[in-house]
Amino acid sequence: MTDSVTLEDVYRELKRLEEKMVTREDVEALVDSVEILSNPQTMKVLQKSDEDIKAGRVKDAASVKDLLDEL
């Protein structure tokens, strides 16, 4: 005799699988992160930015126009 499976059982199992799935957005974000972390020049710039922030070398900007006006 075979066990029967209800639609509710199938739905529950699909929901469990869905919770464990990696989305396309997750993969794209991971690829972006790897690209950034593997680029030495980008990492230098990020490190310099962190140092500037820690040293208080920051400016407030409310808009892109404010940023462009600083150039």
N, C-alpha and C. Protein backbone atom coordinates (compact mmCIF):
# COMPACT_ATOMS: atom_id res chain seq x y z
N MET A 1 0.84 -1.18 0.00
CA MET A 1 0.00 0.00 0.00
C MET A 1 0.89 1.25 0.00
N THR A 2 0.56 2.22 -0.84
CA THR A 2 1.34 3.44 -0.92
C THR A 2 0.73 4.51 -0.04
N ASP A 3 1.60 5.33 0.52
CA ASP A 3 1.13 6.46 1.32
C ASP A 3 0.58 7.53 0.39
N SER A 4 -0.46 8.17 0.81
CA SER A 4 -1.02 9.26 0.01
C SER A 4 -0.39 10.58 0.45
N VAL A 5 -0.32 11.48 -0.49
CA VAL A 5 0.24 12.79 -0.23
C VAL A 5 -0.83 13.81 -0.58
N THR A 6 -1.04 14.73 0.32
CA THR A 6 -2.05 15.76 0.07
C THR A 6 -1.40 16.97 -0.58
N LEU A 7 -2.21 17.82 -1.13
CA LEU A 7 -1.71 19.07 -1.69
C LEU A 7 -1.08 19.92 -0.59
N GLU A 8 -1.64 19.83 0.59
CA GLU A 8 -1.08 20.58 1.72
C GLU A 8 0.33 20.09 2.04
N ASP A 9 0.56 18.78 1.97
CA ASP A 9 1.89 18.23 2.20
C ASP A 9 2.88 18.76 1.15
N VAL A 10 2.45 18.76 -0.08
CA VAL A 10 3.30 19.25 -1.17
C VAL A 10 3.59 20.73 -0.97
N TYR A 11 2.56 21.50 -0.62
CA TYR A 11 2.73 22.93 -0.41
C TYR A 11 3.72 23.19 0.72
N ARG A 12 3.58 22.47 1.83
CA ARG A 12 4.48 22.64 2.97
C ARG A 12 5.93 22.32 2.58
N GLU A 13 6.11 21.27 1.82
CA GLU A 13 7.46 20.90 1.39
C GLU A 13 8.04 21.93 0.43
N LEU A 14 7.22 22.45 -0.46
CA LEU A 14 7.69 23.50 -1.37
C LEU A 14 8.08 24.76 -0.61
N LYS A 15 7.32 25.10 0.41
CA LYS A 15 7.65 26.27 1.23
C LYS A 15 8.98 26.07 1.95
N ARG A 16 9.23 24.86 2.45
CA ARG A 16 10.51 24.56 3.11
C ARG A 16 11.66 24.70 2.12
N LEU A 17 11.46 24.20 0.91
CA LEU A 17 12.49 24.32 -0.12
C LEU A 17 12.74 25.77 -0.50
N GLU A 18 11.65 26.52 -0.62
CA GLU A 18 11.76 27.93 -0.98
C GLU A 18 12.59 28.70 0.05
N GLU A 19 12.42 28.39 1.32
CA GLU A 19 13.17 29.08 2.38
C GLU A 19 14.67 28.83 2.26
N LYS A 20 15.06 27.71 1.67
CA LYS A 20 16.47 27.35 1.56
C LYS A 20 17.09 27.75 0.22
N MET A 21 16.26 28.21 -0.71
CA MET A 21 16.74 28.54 -2.04
C MET A 21 17.55 29.83 -2.05
N VAL A 22 18.51 29.88 -2.94
CA VAL A 22 19.27 31.09 -3.19
C VAL A 22 18.62 31.79 -4.38
N THR A 23 18.36 33.07 -4.23
CA THR A 23 17.71 33.81 -5.31
C THR A 23 18.75 34.35 -6.30
N ARG A 24 18.27 34.73 -7.44
CA ARG A 24 19.13 35.36 -8.45
C ARG A 24 19.76 36.62 -7.87
N GLU A 25 18.99 37.38 -7.10
CA GLU A 25 19.50 38.61 -6.48
C GLU A 25 20.63 38.29 -5.51
N ASP A 26 20.48 37.20 -4.75
CA ASP A 26 21.55 36.79 -3.83
C ASP A 26 22.84 36.47 -4.58
N VAL A 27 22.71 35.74 -5.68
CA VAL A 27 23.89 35.37 -6.47
C VAL A 27 24.52 36.61 -7.09
N GLU A 28 23.71 37.52 -7.62
CA GLU A 28 24.25 38.74 -8.22
C GLU A 28 24.97 39.58 -7.18
N ALA A 29 24.41 39.68 -5.97
CA ALA A 29 25.05 40.44 -4.89
C ALA A 29 26.38 39.79 -4.51
N LEU A 30 26.41 38.48 -4.47
CA LEU A 30 27.65 37.77 -4.14
C LEU A 30 28.71 38.01 -5.21
N VAL A 31 28.33 37.95 -6.47
CA VAL A 31 29.27 38.20 -7.57
C VAL A 31 29.80 39.64 -7.47
N ASP A 32 28.91 40.59 -7.22
CA ASP A 32 29.34 41.99 -7.07
C ASP A 32 30.34 42.12 -5.93
N SER A 33 30.06 41.47 -4.82
CA SER A 33 30.97 41.54 -3.66
C SER A 33 32.33 40.95 -4.00
N VAL A 34 32.34 39.82 -4.68
CA VAL A 34 33.61 39.19 -5.05
C VAL A 34 34.39 40.10 -6.00
N GLU A 35 33.70 40.74 -6.93
CA GLU A 35 34.37 41.64 -7.87
C GLU A 35 35.01 42.81 -7.12
N ILE A 36 34.28 43.38 -6.18
CA ILE A 36 34.80 44.50 -5.40
C ILE A 36 36.00 44.06 -4.56
N LEU A 37 35.83 42.95 -3.84
CA LEU A 37 36.88 42.48 -2.95
C LEU A 37 38.14 42.03 -3.70
N SER A 38 38.00 41.64 -4.95
CA SER A 38 39.15 41.17 -5.70
C SER A 38 39.83 42.28 -6.50
N ASN A 39 39.33 43.50 -6.41
CA ASN A 39 39.92 44.62 -7.13
C ASN A 39 40.77 45.44 -6.15
N PRO A 40 42.10 45.37 -6.25
CA PRO A 40 42.96 46.07 -5.29
C PRO A 40 42.74 47.58 -5.27
N GLN A 41 42.53 48.19 -6.42
CA GLN A 41 42.33 49.64 -6.47
C GLN A 41 41.04 50.03 -5.74
N THR A 42 39.98 49.30 -5.96
CA THR A 42 38.71 49.58 -5.28
C THR A 42 38.88 49.42 -3.78
N MET A 43 39.60 48.39 -3.36
CA MET A 43 39.81 48.16 -1.93
C MET A 43 40.62 49.29 -1.31
N LYS A 44 41.61 49.83 -2.04
CA LYS A 44 42.38 50.97 -1.54
C LYS A 44 41.47 52.18 -1.32
N VAL A 45 40.61 52.44 -2.29
CA VAL A 45 39.70 53.57 -2.19
C VAL A 45 38.74 53.39 -1.01
N LEU A 46 38.24 52.19 -0.84
CA LEU A 46 37.34 51.93 0.29
C LEU A 46 38.07 52.09 1.62
N GLN A 47 39.29 51.63 1.69
CA GLN A 47 40.07 51.77 2.92
C GLN A 47 40.31 53.25 3.22
N LYS A 48 40.65 54.02 2.20
CA LYS A 48 40.86 55.47 2.38
C LYS A 48 39.57 56.13 2.86
N SER A 49 38.45 55.73 2.30
CA SER A 49 37.17 56.29 2.72
C SER A 49 36.89 55.98 4.19
N ASP A 50 37.17 54.75 4.60
CA ASP A 50 36.99 54.38 6.01
C ASP A 50 37.87 55.23 6.91
N GLU A 51 39.12 55.45 6.49
CA GLU A 51 40.03 56.28 7.28
C GLU A 51 39.53 57.71 7.37
N ASP A 52 39.03 58.25 6.25
CA ASP A 52 38.48 59.61 6.25
C ASP A 52 37.29 59.73 7.21
N ILE A 53 36.42 58.74 7.19
CA ILE A 53 35.25 58.76 8.07
C ILE A 53 35.68 58.72 9.53
N LYS A 54 36.60 57.82 9.85
CA LYS A 54 37.09 57.71 11.24
C LYS A 54 37.77 58.99 11.69
N ALA A 55 38.45 59.69 10.78
CA ALA A 55 39.15 60.92 11.12
C ALA A 55 38.22 62.13 11.09
N GLY A 56 36.96 61.93 10.73
CA GLY A 56 36.01 63.03 10.70
C GLY A 56 36.06 63.89 9.45
N ARG A 57 36.76 63.40 8.44
CA ARG A 57 36.83 64.15 7.18
C ARG A 57 35.63 63.79 6.30
N VAL A 58 34.47 64.32 6.72
CA VAL A 58 33.22 64.06 6.00
C VAL A 58 32.46 65.36 5.84
N LYS A 59 31.58 65.40 4.89
CA LYS A 59 30.72 66.57 4.66
C LYS A 59 29.29 66.09 4.53
N ASP A 60 28.37 66.87 5.03
CA ASP A 60 26.95 66.55 4.87
C ASP A 60 26.49 67.03 3.50
N ALA A 61 25.70 66.22 2.85
CA ALA A 61 25.14 66.58 1.55
C ALA A 61 23.70 66.09 1.53
N ALA A 62 22.80 67.01 1.18
CA ALA A 62 21.38 66.66 1.15
C ALA A 62 20.94 66.19 -0.23
N SER A 63 21.79 66.44 -1.23
CA SER A 63 21.39 66.07 -2.59
C SER A 63 22.63 65.85 -3.46
N VAL A 64 22.40 65.32 -4.63
CA VAL A 64 23.48 65.15 -5.59
C VAL A 64 24.02 66.52 -6.00
N LYS A 65 23.12 67.49 -6.10
CA LYS A 65 23.54 68.86 -6.46
C LYS A 65 24.55 69.37 -5.44
N ASP A 66 24.30 69.14 -4.15
CA ASP A 66 25.24 69.56 -3.11
C ASP A 66 26.61 68.92 -3.35
N LEU A 67 26.61 67.65 -3.68
CA LEU A 67 27.88 66.97 -3.94
C LEU A 67 28.59 67.56 -5.15
N LEU A 68 27.84 67.81 -6.22
CA LEU A 68 28.44 68.35 -7.44
C LEU A 68 28.96 69.77 -7.22
N ASP A 69 28.28 70.52 -6.38
CA ASP A 69 28.73 71.88 -6.08
C ASP A 69 30.09 71.90 -5.37
N GLU A 70 30.43 70.79 -4.70
CA GLU A 70 31.71 70.68 -4.01
C GLU A 70 32.89 70.47 -4.96
N LEU A 71 32.58 70.04 -6.19
CA LEU A 71 33.66 69.75 -7.15
C LEU A 71 34.27 70.99 -7.73
